[in-house]
């Protein structure tokens, strides 16, 4: 295993720990989905996939990043912190006046491209930003993390269809396919069907990866780089709560923060 892979796996482990710490101190928030996307965030922001500099003189050259499923913002906040966006300033999640709101807010954090929360809203914004960059003949790409539950929203499919119509090959969706949402499994709550085939039918290139195997994640994103007139979808098969055994695949932790006992158990597991 290369040093880079080991480093990225360590980054993911640290992001899980930071997220767990953040949620425990806040006493509320979305734990399961945040843990499940740690490997993807580590690969995106620390593996050379997305260009997202914190220095002011480089900011205009950044790729755009939209977290459409805004409820898993703790993993995004932990990532921004590790990247140095907050400097020495430490804020507490979900406290009045804190920039770390329960859903990402552009008003509070410049690094947040757009405020998100209502499911399906962010994907439409991502399509609009990708189209604007195309019209301005700019080379930056737009990355959008979306959830499988968001695909129960009609507006999500309107955005998907529009992206193909406008040939937005500068747009990359990353679908967190953990098969769970706040009410149970996505298969029980709504019939999503074959998401890969639905996207392909509408004119997208579709890639699939295990969202927890770092070499596979990196290899998948290398394939995504080619521009061929089509938007790209990466379906990341993930486990909600990955890294903390008693949280894994338990939809009840979708919107729960750890209590003291759970926090201690989780930290012990994440340090192994």
C-alpha atoms as a PDB file:
ATOM      1  CA  UNK A   1       0.000   0.000   0.000  1.00  0.00           C
ATOM      2  CA  UNK A   2       1.457   3.380  -0.997  1.00  0.00           C
ATOM      3  CA  UNK A   3       2.236   6.111   1.509  1.00  0.00           C
ATOM      4  CA  UNK A   4      -0.385   8.326  -0.122  1.00  0.00           C
ATOM      5  CA  UNK A   5      -3.116   5.753   0.409  1.00  0.00           C
ATOM      6  CA  UNK A   6      -2.131   5.281   4.053  1.00  0.00           C
ATOM      7  CA  UNK A   7      -2.084   9.035   4.570  1.00  0.00           C
ATOM      8  CA  UNK A   8      -5.547   9.461   3.085  1.00  0.00           C
ATOM      9  CA  UNK A   9      -6.913   6.613   5.208  1.00  0.00           C
ATOM     10  CA  UNK A  10      -5.472   8.344   8.266  1.00  0.00           C
ATOM     11  CA  UNK A  11      -7.076  11.605   7.170  1.00  0.00           C
ATOM     12  CA  UNK A  12     -10.449   9.844   6.921  1.00  0.00           C
ATOM     13  CA  UNK A  13      -9.988   8.374  10.393  1.00  0.00           C
ATOM     14  CA  UNK A  14      -9.155  11.824  11.776  1.00  0.00           C
ATOM     15  CA  UNK A  15     -12.192  13.331  10.067  1.00  0.00           C
ATOM     16  CA  UNK A  16     -14.400  10.705  11.704  1.00  0.00           C
ATOM     17  CA  UNK A  17     -12.879  11.503  15.082  1.00  0.00           C
ATOM     18  CA  UNK A  18     -13.281  15.281  14.592  1.00  0.00           C
ATOM     19  CA  UNK A  19     -16.882  14.828  13.490  1.00  0.00           C
ATOM     20  CA  UNK A  20     -17.691  12.630  16.488  1.00  0.00           C
ATOM     21  CA  UNK A  21     -16.099  15.153  18.848  1.00  0.00           C
ATOM     22  CA  UNK A  22     -18.012  18.009  17.232  1.00  0.00           C
ATOM     23  CA  UNK A  23     -21.384  16.273  17.481  1.00  0.00           C
ATOM     24  CA  UNK A  24     -20.828  15.125  21.048  1.00  0.00           C
ATOM     25  CA  UNK A  25     -20.044  18.672  22.206  1.00  0.00           C
ATOM     26  CA  UNK A  26     -23.029  20.046  20.292  1.00  0.00           C
ATOM     27  CA  UNK A  27     -25.425  17.425  21.633  1.00  0.00           C
ATOM     28  CA  UNK A  28     -27.235  17.247  18.308  1.00  0.00           C
ATOM     29  CA  UNK A  29     -26.605  16.746  14.610  1.00  0.00           C
ATOM     30  CA  UNK A  30     -26.298  14.085  11.940  1.00  0.00           C
ATOM     31  CA  UNK A  31     -23.707  11.476  12.831  1.00  0.00           C
ATOM     32  CA  UNK A  32     -24.338   8.417  10.643  1.00  0.00           C
ATOM     33  CA  UNK A  33     -24.110  10.009   7.214  1.00  0.00           C
ATOM     34  CA  UNK A  34     -21.128  12.141   8.211  1.00  0.00           C
ATOM     35  CA  UNK A  35     -19.142   9.079   9.284  1.00  0.00           C
ATOM     36  CA  UNK A  36     -20.092   7.256   6.109  1.00  0.00           C
ATOM     37  CA  UNK A  37     -18.700   9.944   3.806  1.00  0.00           C
ATOM     38  CA  UNK A  38     -15.338  10.479   5.541  1.00  0.00           C
ATOM     39  CA  UNK A  39     -13.365   8.457   2.981  1.00  0.00           C
ATOM     40  CA  UNK A  40     -14.921  10.338   0.070  1.00  0.00           C
ATOM     41  CA  UNK A  41     -14.178  13.726   1.644  1.00  0.00           C
ATOM     42  CA  UNK A  42     -10.611  12.673   2.410  1.00  0.00           C
ATOM     43  CA  UNK A  43     -10.111  11.627  -1.218  1.00  0.00           C
ATOM     44  CA  UNK A  44     -11.747  14.730  -2.673  1.00  0.00           C
ATOM     45  CA  UNK A  45     -10.032  17.395  -0.619  1.00  0.00           C
ATOM     46  CA  UNK A  46      -6.738  15.750   0.336  1.00  0.00           C
ATOM     47  CA  UNK A  47      -6.216  13.409  -2.616  1.00  0.00           C
ATOM     48  CA  UNK A  48      -5.791  16.034  -5.326  1.00  0.00           C
ATOM     49  CA  UNK A  49      -9.230  15.580  -6.873  1.00  0.00           C
ATOM     50  CA  UNK A  50     -10.830  18.945  -6.151  1.00  0.00           C
ATOM     51  CA  UNK A  51      -8.967  22.267  -6.110  1.00  0.00           C
ATOM     52  CA  UNK A  52     -10.264  24.176  -3.087  1.00  0.00           C
ATOM     53  CA  UNK A  53      -7.569  26.542  -1.737  1.00  0.00           C
ATOM     54  CA  UNK A  54      -8.129  28.576   1.411  1.00  0.00           C
ATOM     55  CA  UNK A  55      -5.746  31.388   0.439  1.00  0.00           C
ATOM     56  CA  UNK A  56      -7.584  34.517  -0.676  1.00  0.00           C
ATOM     57  CA  UNK A  57      -5.401  35.143  -3.738  1.00  0.00           C
ATOM     58  CA  UNK A  58      -6.244  31.672  -5.089  1.00  0.00           C
ATOM     59  CA  UNK A  59      -9.916  31.481  -4.170  1.00  0.00           C
ATOM     60  CA  UNK A  60     -11.270  32.637  -7.541  1.00  0.00           C
ATOM     61  CA  UNK A  61      -9.494  29.718  -9.236  1.00  0.00           C
ATOM     62  CA  UNK A  62     -11.227  27.108  -7.076  1.00  0.00           C
ATOM     63  CA  UNK A  63     -13.451  24.326  -8.257  1.00  0.00           C
ATOM     64  CA  UNK A  64     -16.966  24.719  -6.899  1.00  0.00           C
ATOM     65  CA  UNK A  65     -18.228  22.358  -4.195  1.00  0.00           C
ATOM     66  CA  UNK A  66     -21.877  21.965  -3.227  1.00  0.00           C
ATOM     67  CA  UNK A  67     -23.014  19.814  -0.313  1.00  0.00           C
ATOM     68  CA  UNK A  68     -26.594  19.265  -1.398  1.00  0.00           C
ATOM     69  CA  UNK A  69     -27.378  16.899   1.475  1.00  0.00           C
ATOM     70  CA  UNK A  70     -26.584  19.677   3.919  1.00  0.00           C
ATOM     71  CA  UNK A  71     -27.416  17.665   7.015  1.00  0.00           C
ATOM     72  CA  UNK A  72     -24.018  15.903   6.849  1.00  0.00           C
ATOM     73  CA  UNK A  73     -22.232  19.258   7.155  1.00  0.00           C
ATOM     74  CA  UNK A  74     -20.221  18.090  10.214  1.00  0.00           C
ATOM     75  CA  UNK A  75     -17.937  16.087   7.909  1.00  0.00           C
ATOM     76  CA  UNK A  76     -17.584  19.157   5.664  1.00  0.00           C
ATOM     77  CA  UNK A  77     -16.774  21.398   8.639  1.00  0.00           C
ATOM     78  CA  UNK A  78     -14.196  18.898   9.881  1.00  0.00           C
ATOM     79  CA  UNK A  79     -12.650  18.880   6.396  1.00  0.00           C
ATOM     80  CA  UNK A  80     -12.509  22.674   6.165  1.00  0.00           C
ATOM     81  CA  UNK A  81     -10.915  22.806   9.602  1.00  0.00           C
ATOM     82  CA  UNK A  82      -8.211  20.299   8.599  1.00  0.00           C
ATOM     83  CA  UNK A  83      -7.587  22.339   5.439  1.00  0.00           C
ATOM     84  CA  UNK A  84      -6.970  25.464   7.524  1.00  0.00           C
ATOM     85  CA  UNK A  85     -10.044  27.495   6.585  1.00  0.00           C
ATOM     86  CA  UNK A  86     -10.805  28.407  10.197  1.00  0.00           C
ATOM     87  CA  UNK A  87      -7.226  29.078  11.314  1.00  0.00           C
ATOM     88  CA  UNK A  88      -6.932  29.130  15.095  1.00  0.00           C
ATOM     89  CA  UNK A  89     -10.576  30.026  15.540  1.00  0.00           C
ATOM     90  CA  UNK A  90     -12.586  27.138  16.954  1.00  0.00           C
ATOM     91  CA  UNK A  91     -16.361  27.274  16.837  1.00  0.00           C
ATOM     92  CA  UNK A  92     -18.965  24.986  18.349  1.00  0.00           C
ATOM     93  CA  UNK A  93     -21.450  23.224  16.118  1.00  0.00           C
ATOM     94  CA  UNK A  94     -25.119  24.222  16.280  1.00  0.00           C
ATOM     95  CA  UNK A  95     -24.763  27.017  18.811  1.00  0.00           C
ATOM     96  CA  UNK A  96     -26.422  30.423  18.475  1.00  0.00           C
ATOM     97  CA  UNK A  97     -24.075  32.792  16.697  1.00  0.00           C
ATOM     98  CA  UNK A  98     -21.649  30.050  15.636  1.00  0.00           C
ATOM     99  CA  UNK A  99     -20.640  29.876  11.953  1.00  0.00           C
ATOM    100  CA  UNK A 100     -21.080  26.088  12.165  1.00  0.00           C
ATOM    101  CA  UNK A 101     -24.810  25.979  11.687  1.00  0.00           C
ATOM    102  CA  UNK A 102     -26.823  22.746  11.626  1.00  0.00           C
ATOM    103  CA  UNK A 103     -26.937  23.066   7.847  1.00  0.00           C
ATOM    104  CA  UNK A 104     -24.186  24.831   5.866  1.00  0.00           C
ATOM    105  CA  UNK A 105     -24.711  28.563   5.545  1.00  0.00           C
ATOM    106  CA  UNK A 106     -22.935  30.766   3.005  1.00  0.00           C
ATOM    107  CA  UNK A 107     -23.740  33.785   5.168  1.00  0.00           C
ATOM    108  CA  UNK A 108     -21.670  32.342   8.010  1.00  0.00           C
ATOM    109  CA  UNK A 109     -18.797  30.665   6.083  1.00  0.00           C
ATOM    110  CA  UNK A 110     -17.347  31.977   2.811  1.00  0.00           C
ATOM    111  CA  UNK A 111     -16.057  28.502   1.910  1.00  0.00           C
ATOM    112  CA  UNK A 112     -19.661  27.309   1.719  1.00  0.00           C
ATOM    113  CA  UNK A 113     -20.709  28.023  -1.874  1.00  0.00           C
ATOM    114  CA  UNK A 114     -24.415  28.069  -1.136  1.00  0.00           C
ATOM    115  CA  UNK A 115     -26.658  27.423   1.837  1.00  0.00           C
ATOM    116  CA  UNK A 116     -28.265  23.989   1.668  1.00  0.00           C
ATOM    117  CA  UNK A 117     -30.702  21.975   3.700  1.00  0.00           C
ATOM    118  CA  UNK A 118     -33.958  21.395   1.830  1.00  0.00           C
ATOM    119  CA  UNK A 119     -33.324  18.105   0.039  1.00  0.00           C
ATOM    120  CA  UNK A 120     -32.806  18.440  -3.699  1.00  0.00           C
ATOM    121  CA  UNK A 121     -32.029  22.153  -3.588  1.00  0.00           C
ATOM    122  CA  UNK A 122     -28.257  21.848  -3.876  1.00  0.00           C
ATOM    123  CA  UNK A 123     -28.269  19.746  -7.040  1.00  0.00           C
ATOM    124  CA  UNK A 124     -30.134  22.469  -8.902  1.00  0.00           C
ATOM    125  CA  UNK A 125     -27.664  25.091  -7.688  1.00  0.00           C
ATOM    126  CA  UNK A 126     -24.775  22.871  -8.810  1.00  0.00           C
ATOM    127  CA  UNK A 127     -26.262  22.586 -12.303  1.00  0.00           C
ATOM    128  CA  UNK A 128     -26.689  26.367 -12.443  1.00  0.00           C
ATOM    129  CA  UNK A 129     -23.091  26.990 -11.383  1.00  0.00           C
ATOM    130  CA  UNK A 130     -21.761  24.499 -13.926  1.00  0.00           C
ATOM    131  CA  UNK A 131     -23.787  26.158 -16.678  1.00  0.00           C
ATOM    132  CA  UNK A 132     -22.551  29.619 -15.624  1.00  0.00           C
ATOM    133  CA  UNK A 133     -18.914  28.467 -15.741  1.00  0.00           C
ATOM    134  CA  UNK A 134     -19.502  27.046 -19.216  1.00  0.00           C
ATOM    135  CA  UNK A 135     -21.042  30.309 -20.420  1.00  0.00           C
ATOM    136  CA  UNK A 136     -18.063  32.218 -19.030  1.00  0.00           C
ATOM    137  CA  UNK A 137     -15.685  29.738 -20.709  1.00  0.00           C
ATOM    138  CA  UNK A 138     -14.020  28.952 -17.398  1.00  0.00           C
ATOM    139  CA  UNK A 139     -12.281  25.629 -16.753  1.00  0.00           C
ATOM    140  CA  UNK A 140     -13.282  25.065 -13.133  1.00  0.00           C
ATOM    141  CA  UNK A 141     -15.452  22.085 -12.327  1.00  0.00           C
ATOM    142  CA  UNK A 142     -18.445  21.725 -10.024  1.00  0.00           C
ATOM    143  CA  UNK A 143     -18.580  18.872  -7.525  1.00  0.00           C
ATOM    144  CA  UNK A 144     -21.864  18.122  -5.792  1.00  0.00           C
ATOM    145  CA  UNK A 145     -22.366  15.590  -3.006  1.00  0.00           C
ATOM    146  CA  UNK A 146     -25.933  14.343  -2.957  1.00  0.00           C
ATOM    147  CA  UNK A 147     -27.787  11.644  -1.031  1.00  0.00           C
ATOM    148  CA  UNK A 148     -29.898   8.768  -2.265  1.00  0.00           C
ATOM    149  CA  UNK A 149     -32.852  10.091  -0.260  1.00  0.00           C
ATOM    150  CA  UNK A 150     -32.682  13.334  -2.243  1.00  0.00           C
ATOM    151  CA  UNK A 151     -33.584  11.333  -5.321  1.00  0.00           C
ATOM    152  CA  UNK A 152     -37.130  11.061  -4.054  1.00  0.00           C
ATOM    153  CA  UNK A 153     -37.504  14.770  -4.902  1.00  0.00           C
ATOM    154  CA  UNK A 154     -38.880  15.749  -8.289  1.00  0.00           C
ATOM    155  CA  UNK A 155     -36.644  18.835  -8.487  1.00  0.00           C
ATOM    156  CA  UNK A 156     -33.595  16.571  -8.316  1.00  0.00           C
ATOM    157  CA  UNK A 157     -34.596  14.846 -11.546  1.00  0.00           C
ATOM    158  CA  UNK A 158     -35.356  18.151 -13.252  1.00  0.00           C
ATOM    159  CA  UNK A 159     -31.800  19.255 -12.474  1.00  0.00           C
ATOM    160  CA  UNK A 160     -30.344  15.939 -13.681  1.00  0.00           C
ATOM    161  CA  UNK A 161     -32.206  16.201 -16.967  1.00  0.00           C
ATOM    162  CA  UNK A 162     -31.114  19.819 -17.486  1.00  0.00           C
ATOM    163  CA  UNK A 163     -27.450  18.997 -16.867  1.00  0.00           C
ATOM    164  CA  UNK A 164     -27.473  16.471 -19.701  1.00  0.00           C
ATOM    165  CA  UNK A 165     -29.372  18.810 -22.004  1.00  0.00           C
ATOM    166  CA  UNK A 166     -26.690  21.501 -21.596  1.00  0.00           C
ATOM    167  CA  UNK A 167     -23.819  18.956 -21.916  1.00  0.00           C
ATOM    168  CA  UNK A 168     -22.265  19.957 -18.602  1.00  0.00           C
ATOM    169  CA  UNK A 169     -19.155  17.800 -18.628  1.00  0.00           C
ATOM    170  CA  UNK A 170     -17.699  20.113 -15.960  1.00  0.00           C
ATOM    171  CA  UNK A 171     -20.255  18.759 -13.455  1.00  0.00           C
ATOM    172  CA  UNK A 172     -19.590  15.793 -11.161  1.00  0.00           C
ATOM    173  CA  UNK A 173     -22.205  14.425  -8.788  1.00  0.00           C
ATOM    174  CA  UNK A 174     -21.107  12.130  -5.957  1.00  0.00           C
ATOM    175  CA  UNK A 175     -24.066  10.079  -4.755  1.00  0.00           C
ATOM    176  CA  UNK A 176     -23.872   8.812  -1.169  1.00  0.00           C
ATOM    177  CA  UNK A 177     -25.593   5.453  -1.705  1.00  0.00           C
ATOM    178  CA  UNK A 178     -25.940   4.113   1.830  1.00  0.00           C
ATOM    179  CA  UNK A 179     -29.518   2.904   1.222  1.00  0.00           C
ATOM    180  CA  UNK A 180     -30.751   4.575   4.432  1.00  0.00           C
ATOM    181  CA  UNK A 181     -32.618   7.707   5.405  1.00  0.00           C
ATOM    182  CA  UNK A 182     -34.260   9.071   8.521  1.00  0.00           C
ATOM    183  CA  UNK A 183     -37.324   6.843   8.145  1.00  0.00           C
ATOM    184  CA  UNK A 184     -35.552   3.572   7.331  1.00  0.00           C
ATOM    185  CA  UNK A 185     -34.203   2.073   4.117  1.00  0.00           C
ATOM    186  CA  UNK A 186     -34.631   3.967   0.864  1.00  0.00           C
ATOM    187  CA  UNK A 187     -36.102   0.830  -0.676  1.00  0.00           C
ATOM    188  CA  UNK A 188     -38.876   0.779   1.939  1.00  0.00           C
ATOM    189  CA  UNK A 189     -39.539   4.521   1.972  1.00  0.00           C
ATOM    190  CA  UNK A 190     -39.590   4.996  -1.808  1.00  0.00           C
ATOM    191  CA  UNK A 191     -38.747   2.899  -4.844  1.00  0.00           C
ATOM    192  CA  UNK A 192     -35.696   4.562  -6.377  1.00  0.00           C
ATOM    193  CA  UNK A 193     -35.153   1.798  -8.903  1.00  0.00           C
ATOM    194  CA  UNK A 194     -31.807   1.432 -10.647  1.00  0.00           C
ATOM    195  CA  UNK A 195     -30.261   4.872 -10.161  1.00  0.00           C
ATOM    196  CA  UNK A 196     -27.325   4.172 -12.458  1.00  0.00           C
ATOM    197  CA  UNK A 197     -29.602   3.245 -15.347  1.00  0.00           C
ATOM    198  CA  UNK A 198     -31.891   6.211 -14.717  1.00  0.00           C
ATOM    199  CA  UNK A 199     -28.944   8.599 -14.951  1.00  0.00           C
ATOM    200  CA  UNK A 200     -27.568   6.865 -18.054  1.00  0.00           C
ATOM    201  CA  UNK A 201     -30.952   7.050 -19.743  1.00  0.00           C
ATOM    202  CA  UNK A 202     -30.972  10.818 -19.176  1.00  0.00           C
ATOM    203  CA  UNK A 203     -27.526  11.230 -20.739  1.00  0.00           C
ATOM    204  CA  UNK A 204     -24.999  10.975 -17.905  1.00  0.00           C
ATOM    205  CA  UNK A 205     -21.773   9.007 -17.626  1.00  0.00           C
ATOM    206  CA  UNK A 206     -22.005   6.797 -14.544  1.00  0.00           C
ATOM    207  CA  UNK A 207     -19.187   5.390 -12.420  1.00  0.00           C
ATOM    208  CA  UNK A 208     -19.474   3.241  -9.321  1.00  0.00           C
ATOM    209  CA  UNK A 209     -17.078   2.733  -6.431  1.00  0.00           C
ATOM    210  CA  UNK A 210     -16.877   1.288  -2.962  1.00  0.00           C
ATOM    211  CA  UNK A 211     -16.915   4.474  -0.900  1.00  0.00           C
ATOM    212  CA  UNK A 212     -14.542   3.045   1.698  1.00  0.00           C
ATOM    213  CA  UNK A 213     -11.704   1.584  -0.388  1.00  0.00           C
ATOM    214  CA  UNK A 214      -9.315   4.468  -1.011  1.00  0.00           C
ATOM    215  CA  UNK A 215      -7.437   3.074  -4.064  1.00  0.00           C
ATOM    216  CA  UNK A 216     -10.768   2.331  -5.753  1.00  0.00           C
ATOM    217  CA  UNK A 217     -12.097   5.809  -4.968  1.00  0.00           C
ATOM    218  CA  UNK A 218      -9.021   7.517  -6.407  1.00  0.00           C
ATOM    219  CA  UNK A 219      -9.025   5.324  -9.513  1.00  0.00           C
ATOM    220  CA  UNK A 220     -12.696   6.110 -10.130  1.00  0.00           C
ATOM    221  CA  UNK A 221     -12.131   9.865  -9.970  1.00  0.00           C
ATOM    222  CA  UNK A 222      -9.176   9.564 -12.353  1.00  0.00           C
ATOM    223  CA  UNK A 223     -11.572   8.062 -14.898  1.00  0.00           C
ATOM    224  CA  UNK A 224     -14.078  10.871 -14.320  1.00  0.00           C
ATOM    225  CA  UNK A 225     -11.673  13.567 -15.532  1.00  0.00           C
ATOM    226  CA  UNK A 226     -12.213  13.066 -19.225  1.00  0.00           C
ATOM    227  CA  UNK A 227     -14.464  15.637 -20.892  1.00  0.00           C
ATOM    228  CA  UNK A 228     -16.863  14.204 -23.448  1.00  0.00           C
ATOM    229  CA  UNK A 229     -19.893  16.464 -23.370  1.00  0.00           C
ATOM    230  CA  UNK A 230     -21.666  14.562 -20.579  1.00  0.00           C
ATOM    231  CA  UNK A 231     -22.096  15.260 -16.868  1.00  0.00           C
ATOM    232  CA  UNK A 232     -20.637  12.618 -14.557  1.00  0.00           C
ATOM    233  CA  UNK A 233     -22.115  10.658 -11.672  1.00  0.00           C
ATOM    234  CA  UNK A 234     -20.039   8.722  -9.145  1.00  0.00           C
ATOM    235  CA  UNK A 235     -22.171   6.330  -7.113  1.00  0.00           C
ATOM    236  CA  UNK A 236     -20.322   5.732  -3.856  1.00  0.00           C
ATOM    237  CA  UNK A 237     -21.600   2.631  -2.100  1.00  0.00           C
ATOM    238  CA  UNK A 238     -21.182   3.566   1.550  1.00  0.00           C
ATOM    239  CA  UNK A 239     -22.075   2.305   5.001  1.00  0.00           C
ATOM    240  CA  UNK A 240     -23.878   4.763   7.219  1.00  0.00           C
ATOM    241  CA  UNK A 241     -21.850   5.142  10.402  1.00  0.00           C
ATOM    242  CA  UNK A 242     -18.695   3.597   8.908  1.00  0.00           C
ATOM    243  CA  UNK A 243     -15.907   3.259  11.476  1.00  0.00           C
ATOM    244  CA  UNK A 244     -18.111   3.036  14.563  1.00  0.00           C
ATOM    245  CA  UNK A 245     -19.461  -0.483  14.854  1.00  0.00           C
ATOM    246  CA  UNK A 246     -22.692   0.199  16.724  1.00  0.00           C
ATOM    247  CA  UNK A 247     -23.654   3.035  14.357  1.00  0.00           C
ATOM    248  CA  UNK A 248     -23.033   1.156  11.112  1.00  0.00           C
ATOM    249  CA  UNK A 249     -26.183   0.486   9.069  1.00  0.00           C
ATOM    250  CA  UNK A 250     -28.467   1.772  11.850  1.00  0.00           C
ATOM    251  CA  UNK A 251     -30.807   4.408  10.421  1.00  0.00           C
ATOM    252  CA  UNK A 252     -31.635   5.622  13.933  1.00  0.00           C
ATOM    253  CA  UNK A 253     -28.270   7.411  13.954  1.00  0.00           C
ATOM    254  CA  UNK A 254     -29.178   9.426  10.874  1.00  0.00           C
ATOM    255  CA  UNK A 255     -30.024  12.452  12.994  1.00  0.00           C
ATOM    256  CA  UNK A 256     -28.517  11.574  16.370  1.00  0.00           C
ATOM    257  CA  UNK A 257     -25.428  12.796  18.171  1.00  0.00           C
ATOM    258  CA  UNK A 258     -23.527  10.466  20.521  1.00  0.00           C
ATOM    259  CA  UNK A 259     -24.206  10.555  24.233  1.00  0.00           C
ATOM    260  CA  UNK A 260     -21.265  10.316  26.629  1.00  0.00           C
ATOM    261  CA  UNK A 261     -21.136   6.519  26.652  1.00  0.00           C
ATOM    262  CA  UNK A 262     -21.429   6.298  22.873  1.00  0.00           C
ATOM    263  CA  UNK A 263     -18.825   9.011  22.441  1.00  0.00           C
ATOM    264  CA  UNK A 264     -16.262   7.144  24.574  1.00  0.00           C
ATOM    265  CA  UNK A 265     -16.906   3.871  22.728  1.00  0.00           C
ATOM    266  CA  UNK A 266     -16.665   5.561  19.351  1.00  0.00           C
ATOM    267  CA  UNK A 267     -13.405   7.366  20.143  1.00  0.00           C
ATOM    268  CA  UNK A 268     -11.883   4.094  21.364  1.00  0.00           C
ATOM    269  CA  UNK A 269     -12.797   2.370  18.094  1.00  0.00           C
ATOM    270  CA  UNK A 270     -11.569   5.244  15.936  1.00  0.00           C
ATOM    271  CA  UNK A 271      -8.179   5.272  17.665  1.00  0.00           C
ATOM    272  CA  UNK A 272      -7.442   1.628  16.817  1.00  0.00           C
END
